């Protein structure tokens, strides 16, 4: 598979611009960016434990309260 050449990229951008129009392009890009941020924050929240004390207790190796 060959890489995309600059003139191909330019024609793709032109086609997208014609499809969405100059007014809707910023709105579409903003919506896409917001969706990406939402997915990243959700992934970040699921990778973090809900209880910060649980992480500390597991890392010390001591039972809670001692």
Protein backbone atom coordinates (compact mmCIF):
# COMPACT_ATOMS: atom_id res chain seq x y z
CA UNK A 1 0.00 0.00 0.00
CA UNK A 2 1.45 3.31 -1.07
CA UNK A 3 1.34 6.42 1.15
CA UNK A 4 -1.19 9.17 0.43
CA UNK A 5 0.29 11.84 -1.79
CA UNK A 6 -0.24 15.56 -1.03
CA UNK A 7 -2.52 16.13 -4.03
CA UNK A 8 -4.71 13.17 -2.95
CA UNK A 9 -4.99 14.60 0.56
CA UNK A 10 -5.88 18.00 -0.87
CA UNK A 11 -8.64 16.52 -3.05
CA UNK A 12 -10.05 14.58 -0.06
CA UNK A 13 -10.10 17.79 2.01
CA UNK A 14 -11.80 19.64 -0.84
CA UNK A 15 -14.45 16.93 -1.17
CA UNK A 16 -15.15 17.05 2.58
CA UNK A 17 -15.38 20.83 2.43
CA UNK A 18 -17.89 20.66 -0.41
CA UNK A 19 -20.00 18.02 1.35
CA UNK A 20 -20.28 19.77 4.70
CA UNK A 21 -19.93 23.39 3.65
CA UNK A 22 -17.82 26.12 5.24
CA UNK A 23 -20.32 26.82 8.02
CA UNK A 24 -20.79 23.26 9.23
CA UNK A 25 -17.12 22.21 9.17
CA UNK A 26 -16.14 23.93 12.47
CA UNK A 27 -19.26 22.54 14.16
CA UNK A 28 -18.50 19.04 12.92
CA UNK A 29 -14.87 19.24 14.03
CA UNK A 30 -15.94 20.55 17.44
CA UNK A 31 -18.41 17.72 17.90
CA UNK A 32 -15.79 15.19 16.91
CA UNK A 33 -13.28 16.66 19.36
CA UNK A 34 -15.84 16.66 22.16
CA UNK A 35 -16.66 13.02 21.49
CA UNK A 36 -13.00 12.06 21.57
CA UNK A 37 -12.48 13.92 24.88
CA UNK A 38 -15.52 12.17 26.35
CA UNK A 39 -14.24 8.74 25.36
CA UNK A 40 -10.78 9.50 26.78
CA UNK A 41 -12.20 10.73 30.08
CA UNK A 42 -14.39 7.64 30.35
CA UNK A 43 -11.41 5.37 29.67
CA UNK A 44 -9.34 7.29 32.22
CA UNK A 45 -12.09 6.98 34.86
CA UNK A 46 -12.42 3.23 34.35
CA UNK A 47 -8.67 2.72 34.69
CA UNK A 48 -8.59 4.58 38.05
CA UNK A 49 -9.88 2.89 41.21
CA UNK A 50 -12.98 4.44 42.80
CA UNK A 51 -11.45 4.44 46.30
CA UNK A 52 -8.03 6.15 46.58
CA UNK A 53 -7.53 4.53 50.01
CA UNK A 54 -7.78 1.06 48.44
CA UNK A 55 -4.75 1.78 46.28
CA UNK A 56 -2.79 3.07 49.29
CA UNK A 57 -3.72 0.06 51.44
CA UNK A 58 -2.71 -2.41 48.77
CA UNK A 59 0.58 -0.67 48.17
CA UNK A 60 1.63 -0.74 51.86
CA UNK A 61 0.79 -4.39 52.37
CA UNK A 62 -0.73 -3.63 55.77
CA UNK A 63 -4.36 -4.26 56.69
CA UNK A 64 -6.58 -1.19 57.01
CA UNK A 65 -6.56 0.57 60.37
CA UNK A 66 -3.00 -0.31 61.37
